[in-house]
Amino acid sequence: MLDRMQARLDRTPEAMIIRRQTVEHCFGTLKAWMGGAHFLTRALEKVKTEMSLQGLAYNMKRTIKIFDVRPLMLAIAG
């Protein structure tokens, strides 16, 4: 599996650059918001909830930055 992954990266070296720009950015941002990598809750169910709320906050913040706050407020108002 690792050999196949390395071969794929060798064929398209820009893939890792694109991945770092898109996927890993949100995890770095969330980690910075959390002050490291520690969750405030314990137990898997509570940690899942905490991570989901952080993901929601990240997505809302990105939406506001990309589309402005007015369309989001209109969508929330229904």
PDB file of N, CA and C in Angstrom:
ATOM      1  N   MET A   1       0.812  -1.169   0.000  1.00  0.00           N
ATOM      2  CA  MET A   1       0.000   0.000   0.000  1.00  0.00           C
ATOM      3  C   MET A   1       0.873   1.258   0.000  1.00  0.00           C
ATOM      4  N   LEU A   2       1.906   1.274   0.829  1.00  0.00           N
ATOM      5  CA  LEU A   2       2.789   2.436   0.874  1.00  0.00           C
ATOM      6  C   LEU A   2       3.525   2.640  -0.442  1.00  0.00           C
ATOM      7  N   ASP A   3       3.911   1.522  -1.080  1.00  0.00           N
ATOM      8  CA  ASP A   3       4.585   1.633  -2.372  1.00  0.00           C
ATOM      9  C   ASP A   3       3.657   2.220  -3.435  1.00  0.00           C
ATOM     10  N   ARG A   4       2.384   1.809  -3.417  1.00  0.00           N
ATOM     11  CA  ARG A   4       1.422   2.351  -4.376  1.00  0.00           C
ATOM     12  C   ARG A   4       1.205   3.841  -4.133  1.00  0.00           C
ATOM     13  N   MET A   5       1.112   4.227  -2.861  1.00  0.00           N
ATOM     14  CA  MET A   5       0.921   5.634  -2.540  1.00  0.00           C
ATOM     15  C   MET A   5       2.130   6.447  -2.981  1.00  0.00           C
ATOM     16  N   GLN A   6       3.334   5.943  -2.741  1.00  0.00           N
ATOM     17  CA  GLN A   6       4.538   6.654  -3.147  1.00  0.00           C
ATOM     18  C   GLN A   6       4.615   6.774  -4.667  1.00  0.00           C
ATOM     19  N   ALA A   7       4.238   5.720  -5.378  1.00  0.00           N
ATOM     20  CA  ALA A   7       4.235   5.763  -6.846  1.00  0.00           C
ATOM     21  C   ALA A   7       3.252   6.816  -7.346  1.00  0.00           C
ATOM     22  N   ARG A   8       2.086   6.897  -6.708  1.00  0.00           N
ATOM     23  CA  ARG A   8       1.087   7.902  -7.088  1.00  0.00           C
ATOM     24  C   ARG A   8       1.623   9.310  -6.842  1.00  0.00           C
ATOM     25  N   LEU A   9       2.303   9.527  -5.724  1.00  0.00           N
ATOM     26  CA  LEU A   9       2.883  10.837  -5.439  1.00  0.00           C
ATOM     27  C   LEU A   9       4.022  11.163  -6.398  1.00  0.00           C
ATOM     28  N   ASP A  10       4.773  10.156  -6.795  1.00  0.00           N
ATOM     29  CA  ASP A  10       5.859  10.372  -7.759  1.00  0.00           C
ATOM     30  C   ASP A  10       5.301  10.808  -9.116  1.00  0.00           C
ATOM     31  N   ARG A  11       4.133  10.274  -9.484  1.00  0.00           N
ATOM     32  CA  ARG A  11       3.508  10.648 -10.759  1.00  0.00           C
ATOM     33  C   ARG A  11       2.936  12.062 -10.706  1.00  0.00           C
ATOM     34  N   THR A  12       2.423  12.467  -9.547  1.00  0.00           N
ATOM     35  CA  THR A  12       1.810  13.799  -9.407  1.00  0.00           C
ATOM     36  C   THR A  12       2.336  14.463  -8.128  1.00  0.00           C
ATOM     37  N   PRO A  13       3.543  15.024  -8.190  1.00  0.00           N
ATOM     38  CA  PRO A  13       4.126  15.613  -6.972  1.00  0.00           C
ATOM     39  C   PRO A  13       3.352  16.824  -6.454  1.00  0.00           C
ATOM     40  N   GLU A  14       2.575  17.475  -7.323  1.00  0.00           N
ATOM     41  CA  GLU A  14       1.810  18.642  -6.870  1.00  0.00           C
ATOM     42  C   GLU A  14       0.619  18.243  -6.005  1.00  0.00           C
ATOM     43  N   ALA A  15       0.274  16.960  -5.968  1.00  0.00           N
ATOM     44  CA  ALA A  15      -0.875  16.501  -5.185  1.00  0.00           C
ATOM     45  C   ALA A  15      -0.700  16.813  -3.696  1.00  0.00           C
ATOM     46  N   MET A  16       0.500  16.648  -3.183  1.00  0.00           N
ATOM     47  CA  MET A  16       0.734  16.908  -1.761  1.00  0.00           C
ATOM     48  C   MET A  16       0.647  18.402  -1.466  1.00  0.00           C
ATOM     49  N   ILE A  17       1.081  19.230  -2.391  1.00  0.00           N
ATOM     50  CA  ILE A  17       0.983  20.675  -2.201  1.00  0.00           C
ATOM     51  C   ILE A  17      -0.484  21.088  -2.136  1.00  0.00           C
ATOM     52  N   ILE A  18      -1.285  20.549  -3.049  1.00  0.00           N
ATOM     53  CA  ILE A  18      -2.714  20.852  -3.059  1.00  0.00           C
ATOM     54  C   ILE A  18      -3.372  20.363  -1.781  1.00  0.00           C
ATOM     55  N   ARG A  19      -2.993  19.162  -1.330  1.00  0.00           N
ATOM     56  CA  ARG A  19      -3.574  18.617  -0.095  1.00  0.00           C
ATOM     57  C   ARG A  19      -3.248  19.508   1.091  1.00  0.00           C
ATOM     58  N   ARG A  20      -2.019  19.943   1.180  1.00  0.00           N
ATOM     59  CA  ARG A  20      -1.640  20.811   2.307  1.00  0.00           C
ATOM     60  C   ARG A  20      -2.430  22.116   2.298  1.00  0.00           C
ATOM     61  N   GLN A  21      -2.705  22.638   1.110  1.00  0.00           N
ATOM     62  CA  GLN A  21      -3.415  23.912   1.014  1.00  0.00           C
ATOM     63  C   GLN A  21      -4.891  23.776   1.342  1.00  0.00           C
ATOM     64  N   THR A  22      -5.483  22.629   1.063  1.00  0.00           N
ATOM     65  CA  THR A  22      -6.930  22.495   1.233  1.00  0.00           C
ATOM     66  C   THR A  22      -7.312  21.722   2.482  1.00  0.00           C
ATOM     67  N   VAL A  23      -6.816  20.535   2.640  1.00  0.00           N
ATOM     68  CA  VAL A  23      -7.272  19.657   3.714  1.00  0.00           C
ATOM     69  C   VAL A  23      -6.611  19.974   5.043  1.00  0.00           C
ATOM     70  N   GLU A  24      -5.329  20.104   5.052  1.00  0.00           N
ATOM     71  CA  GLU A  24      -4.620  20.233   6.323  1.00  0.00           C
ATOM     72  C   GLU A  24      -4.762  21.612   6.943  1.00  0.00           C
ATOM     73  N   HIS A  25      -5.181  22.604   6.169  1.00  0.00           N
ATOM     74  CA  HIS A  25      -5.354  23.951   6.712  1.00  0.00           C
ATOM     75  C   HIS A  25      -6.399  23.980   7.821  1.00  0.00           C
ATOM     76  N   CYS A  26      -7.517  23.309   7.595  1.00  0.00           N
ATOM     77  CA  CYS A  26      -8.580  23.357   8.614  1.00  0.00           C
ATOM     78  C   CYS A  26      -8.139  22.685   9.907  1.00  0.00           C
ATOM     79  N   PHE A  27      -7.380  21.592   9.822  1.00  0.00           N
ATOM     80  CA  PHE A  27      -6.927  20.922  11.041  1.00  0.00           C
ATOM     81  C   PHE A  27      -5.913  21.772  11.794  1.00  0.00           C
ATOM     82  N   GLY A  28      -5.053  22.470  11.079  1.00  0.00           N
ATOM     83  CA  GLY A  28      -4.113  23.383  11.726  1.00  0.00           C
ATOM     84  C   GLY A  28      -4.820  24.525  12.411  1.00  0.00           C
ATOM     85  N   THR A  29      -5.861  25.050  11.751  1.00  0.00           N
ATOM     86  CA  THR A  29      -6.642  26.140  12.331  1.00  0.00           C
ATOM     87  C   THR A  29      -7.363  25.675  13.585  1.00  0.00           C
ATOM     88  N   LEU A  30      -7.998  24.512  13.512  1.00  0.00           N
ATOM     89  CA  LEU A  30      -8.697  23.987  14.687  1.00  0.00           C
ATOM     90  C   LEU A  30      -7.729  23.723  15.827  1.00  0.00           C
ATOM     91  N   LYS A  31      -6.565  23.211  15.499  1.00  0.00           N
ATOM     92  CA  LYS A  31      -5.567  22.936  16.525  1.00  0.00           C
ATOM     93  C   LYS A  31      -5.125  24.243  17.198  1.00  0.00           C
ATOM     94  N   ALA A  32      -4.974  25.301  16.414  1.00  0.00           N
ATOM     95  CA  ALA A  32      -4.592  26.594  16.984  1.00  0.00           C
ATOM     96  C   ALA A  32      -5.711  27.148  17.863  1.00  0.00           C
ATOM     97  N   TRP A  33      -6.959  26.989  17.425  1.00  0.00           N
ATOM     98  CA  TRP A  33      -8.095  27.445  18.232  1.00  0.00           C
ATOM     99  C   TRP A  33      -8.136  26.727  19.563  1.00  0.00           C
ATOM    100  N   MET A  34      -7.803  25.438  19.546  1.00  0.00           N
ATOM    101  CA  MET A  34      -7.894  24.620  20.752  1.00  0.00           C
ATOM    102  C   MET A  34      -6.701  24.833  21.671  1.00  0.00           C
ATOM    103  N   GLY A  35      -5.689  25.548  21.215  1.00  0.00           N
ATOM    104  CA  GLY A  35      -4.512  25.768  22.040  1.00  0.00           C
ATOM    105  C   GLY A  35      -3.636  24.535  22.131  1.00  0.00           C
ATOM    106  N   GLY A  36      -3.516  23.819  21.064  1.00  0.00           N
ATOM    107  CA  GLY A  36      -2.743  22.584  21.030  1.00  0.00           C
ATOM    108  C   GLY A  36      -3.579  21.498  20.429  1.00  0.00           C
ATOM    109  N   ALA A  37      -3.552  20.344  21.037  1.00  0.00           N
ATOM    110  CA  ALA A  37      -4.316  19.227  20.489  1.00  0.00           C
ATOM    111  C   ALA A  37      -5.214  18.589  21.539  1.00  0.00           C
ATOM    112  N   HIS A  38      -5.511  19.301  22.599  1.00  0.00           N
ATOM    113  CA  HIS A  38      -6.272  18.715  23.695  1.00  0.00           C
ATOM    114  C   HIS A  38      -7.747  19.072  23.589  1.00  0.00           C
ATOM    115  N   PHE A  39      -8.575  18.091  23.844  1.00  0.00           N
ATOM    116  CA  PHE A  39     -10.011  18.326  23.899  1.00  0.00           C
ATOM    117  C   PHE A  39     -10.395  18.699  25.326  1.00  0.00           C
ATOM    118  N   LEU A  40     -11.451  19.468  25.447  1.00  0.00           N
ATOM    119  CA  LEU A  40     -11.912  19.887  26.767  1.00  0.00           C
ATOM    120  C   LEU A  40     -12.783  18.829  27.431  1.00  0.00           C
ATOM    121  N   THR A  41     -13.296  17.885  26.647  1.00  0.00           N
ATOM    122  CA  THR A  41     -14.181  16.856  27.176  1.00  0.00           C
ATOM    123  C   THR A  41     -13.466  15.518  27.228  1.00  0.00           C
ATOM    124  N   ARG A  42     -14.113  14.560  27.858  1.00  0.00           N
ATOM    125  CA  ARG A  42     -13.592  13.192  27.924  1.00  0.00           C
ATOM    126  C   ARG A  42     -14.667  12.241  27.425  1.00  0.00           C
ATOM    127  N   ALA A  43     -14.260  11.084  27.028  1.00  0.00           N
ATOM    128  CA  ALA A  43     -15.119  10.038  26.482  1.00  0.00           C
ATOM    129  C   ALA A  43     -15.373  10.315  24.996  1.00  0.00           C
ATOM    130  N   LEU A  44     -15.342   9.254  24.233  1.00  0.00           N
ATOM    131  CA  LEU A  44     -15.407   9.370  22.784  1.00  0.00           C
ATOM    132  C   LEU A  44     -16.641  10.110  22.297  1.00  0.00           C
ATOM    133  N   GLU A  45     -17.798   9.831  22.865  1.00  0.00           N
ATOM    134  CA  GLU A  45     -19.033  10.481  22.423  1.00  0.00           C
ATOM    135  C   GLU A  45     -18.964  11.992  22.614  1.00  0.00           C
ATOM    136  N   LYS A  46     -18.437  12.447  23.753  1.00  0.00           N
ATOM    137  CA  LYS A  46     -18.336  13.876  24.020  1.00  0.00           C
ATOM    138  C   LYS A  46     -17.265  14.538  23.152  1.00  0.00           C
ATOM    139  N   VAL A  47     -16.174  13.831  22.914  1.00  0.00           N
ATOM    140  CA  VAL A  47     -15.119  14.366  22.051  1.00  0.00           C
ATOM    141  C   VAL A  47     -15.631  14.489  20.621  1.00  0.00           C
ATOM    142  N   LYS A  48     -16.417  13.522  20.161  1.00  0.00           N
ATOM    143  CA  LYS A  48     -17.018  13.613  18.824  1.00  0.00           C
ATOM    144  C   LYS A  48     -17.901  14.843  18.715  1.00  0.00           C
ATOM    145  N   THR A  49     -18.677  15.109  19.758  1.00  0.00           N
ATOM    146  CA  THR A  49     -19.546  16.288  19.768  1.00  0.00           C
ATOM    147  C   THR A  49     -18.715  17.562  19.737  1.00  0.00           C
ATOM    148  N   GLU A  50     -17.671  17.608  20.535  1.00  0.00           N
ATOM    149  CA  GLU A  50     -16.802  18.785  20.573  1.00  0.00           C
ATOM    150  C   GLU A  50     -16.152  19.022  19.206  1.00  0.00           C
ATOM    151  N   MET A  51     -15.673  17.969  18.579  1.00  0.00           N
ATOM    152  CA  MET A  51     -15.049  18.085  17.263  1.00  0.00           C
ATOM    153  C   MET A  51     -16.068  18.529  16.223  1.00  0.00           C
ATOM    154  N   SER A  52     -17.278  18.028  16.304  1.00  0.00           N
ATOM    155  CA  SER A  52     -18.331  18.430  15.367  1.00  0.00           C
ATOM    156  C   SER A  52     -18.652  19.913  15.512  1.00  0.00           C
ATOM    157  N   LEU A  53     -18.728  20.392  16.739  1.00  0.00           N
ATOM    158  CA  LEU A  53     -18.997  21.815  16.965  1.00  0.00           C
ATOM    159  C   LEU A  53     -17.855  22.690  16.446  1.00  0.00           C
ATOM    160  N   GLN A  54     -16.635  22.222  16.625  1.00  0.00           N
ATOM    161  CA  GLN A  54     -15.497  22.973  16.105  1.00  0.00           C
ATOM    162  C   GLN A  54     -15.515  22.987  14.577  1.00  0.00           C
ATOM    163  N   GLY A  55     -15.857  21.863  13.970  1.00  0.00           N
ATOM    164  CA  GLY A  55     -15.975  21.809  12.517  1.00  0.00           C
ATOM    165  C   GLY A  55     -17.057  22.734  12.004  1.00  0.00           C
ATOM    166  N   LEU A  56     -18.188  22.775  12.699  1.00  0.00           N
ATOM    167  CA  LEU A  56     -19.274  23.677  12.333  1.00  0.00           C
ATOM    168  C   LEU A  56     -18.826  25.139  12.438  1.00  0.00           C
ATOM    169  N   ALA A  57     -18.148  25.475  13.523  1.00  0.00           N
ATOM    170  CA  ALA A  57     -17.652  26.848  13.698  1.00  0.00           C
ATOM    171  C   ALA A  57     -16.658  27.205  12.598  1.00  0.00           C
ATOM    172  N   TYR A  58     -15.772  26.286  12.266  1.00  0.00           N
ATOM    173  CA  TYR A  58     -14.799  26.528  11.191  1.00  0.00           C
ATOM    174  C   TYR A  58     -15.517  26.765   9.869  1.00  0.00           C
ATOM    175  N   ASN A  59     -16.492  25.912   9.549  1.00  0.00           N
ATOM    176  CA  ASN A  59     -17.213  26.046   8.286  1.00  0.00           C
ATOM    177  C   ASN A  59     -18.004  27.348   8.224  1.00  0.00           C
ATOM    178  N   MET A  60     -18.621  27.743   9.332  1.00  0.00           N
ATOM    179  CA  MET A  60     -19.365  29.007   9.355  1.00  0.00           C
ATOM    180  C   MET A  60     -18.421  30.194   9.177  1.00  0.00           C
ATOM    181  N   LYS A  61     -17.282  30.145   9.833  1.00  0.00           N
ATOM    182  CA  LYS A  61     -16.308  31.232   9.709  1.00  0.00           C
ATOM    183  C   LYS A  61     -15.800  31.337   8.274  1.00  0.00           C
ATOM    184  N   ARG A  62     -15.529  30.203   7.632  1.00  0.00           N
ATOM    185  CA  ARG A  62     -15.073  30.208   6.235  1.00  0.00           C
ATOM    186  C   ARG A  62     -16.170  30.713   5.302  1.00  0.00           C
ATOM    187  N   THR A  63     -17.413  30.313   5.559  1.00  0.00           N
ATOM    188  CA  THR A  63     -18.530  30.766   4.738  1.00  0.00           C
ATOM    189  C   THR A  63     -18.685  32.277   4.824  1.00  0.00           C
ATOM    190  N   ILE A  64     -18.590  32.805   6.032  1.00  0.00           N
ATOM    191  CA  ILE A  64     -18.692  34.252   6.221  1.00  0.00           C
ATOM    192  C   ILE A  64     -17.554  34.959   5.484  1.00  0.00           C
ATOM    193  N   LYS A  65     -16.353  34.417   5.571  1.00  0.00           N
ATOM    194  CA  LYS A  65     -15.204  35.042   4.918  1.00  0.00           C
ATOM    195  C   LYS A  65     -15.341  35.014   3.398  1.00  0.00           C
ATOM    196  N   ILE A  66     -15.859  33.923   2.860  1.00  0.00           N
ATOM    197  CA  ILE A  66     -15.966  33.777   1.405  1.00  0.00           C
ATOM    198  C   ILE A  66     -17.165  34.536   0.849  1.00  0.00           C
ATOM    199  N   PHE A  67     -18.339  34.392   1.476  1.00  0.00           N
ATOM    200  CA  PHE A  67     -19.583  34.916   0.908  1.00  0.00           C
ATOM    201  C   PHE A  67     -20.119  36.162   1.600  1.00  0.00           C
ATOM    202  N   ASP A  68     -19.489  36.645   2.628  1.00  0.00           N
ATOM    203  CA  ASP A  68     -19.978  37.766   3.422  1.00  0.00           C
ATOM    204  C   ASP A  68     -21.044  37.249   4.396  1.00  0.00           C
ATOM    205  N   VAL A  69     -21.369  38.015   5.366  1.00  0.00           N
ATOM    206  CA  VAL A  69     -22.264  37.563   6.422  1.00  0.00           C
ATOM    207  C   VAL A  69     -23.741  37.677   6.031  1.00  0.00           C
ATOM    208  N   ARG A  70     -24.095  38.572   5.123  1.00  0.00           N
ATOM    209  CA  ARG A  70     -25.516  38.784   4.795  1.00  0.00           C
ATOM    210  C   ARG A  70     -26.216  37.528   4.258  1.00  0.00           C
ATOM    211  N   PRO A  71     -25.651  36.814   3.261  1.00  0.00           N
ATOM    212  CA  PRO A  71     -26.345  35.605   2.788  1.00  0.00           C
ATOM    213  C   PRO A  71     -26.511  34.543   3.884  1.00  0.00           C
ATOM    214  N   LEU A  72     -25.521  34.439   4.763  1.00  0.00           N
ATOM    215  CA  LEU A  72     -25.627  33.468   5.856  1.00  0.00           C
ATOM    216  C   LEU A  72     -26.747  33.855   6.804  1.00  0.00           C
ATOM    217  N   MET A  73     -26.850  35.112   7.141  1.00  0.00           N
ATOM    218  CA  MET A  73     -27.900  35.567   8.041  1.00  0.00           C
ATOM    219  C   MET A  73     -29.277  35.380   7.406  1.00  0.00           C
ATOM    220  N   LEU A  74     -29.400  35.607   6.107  1.00  0.00           N
ATOM    221  CA  LEU A  74     -30.669  35.376   5.419  1.00  0.00           C
ATOM    222  C   LEU A  74     -31.040  33.900   5.426  1.00  0.00           C
ATOM    223  N   ALA A  75     -30.039  33.032   5.231  1.00  0.00           N
ATOM    224  CA  ALA A  75     -30.295  31.587   5.243  1.00  0.00           C
ATOM    225  C   ALA A  75     -30.702  31.127   6.631  1.00  0.00           C
ATOM    226  N   ILE A  76     -30.092  31.664   7.674  1.00  0.00           N
ATOM    227  CA  ILE A  76     -30.439  31.292   9.040  1.00  0.00           C
ATOM    228  C   ILE A  76     -31.853  31.776   9.378  1.00  0.00           C
ATOM    229  N   ALA A  77     -32.191  32.983   8.915  1.00  0.00           N
ATOM    230  CA  ALA A  77     -33.517  33.544   9.194  1.00  0.00           C
ATOM    231  C   ALA A  77     -34.624  32.749   8.505  1.00  0.00           C
ATOM    232  N   GLY A  78     -34.252  32.065   7.433  1.00  0.00           N
ATOM    233  CA  GLY A  78     -35.233  31.195   6.752  1.00  0.00           C
ATOM    234  C   GLY A  78     -35.971  31.934   5.725  1.00  0.00           C
TER     235      GLY A  78
END
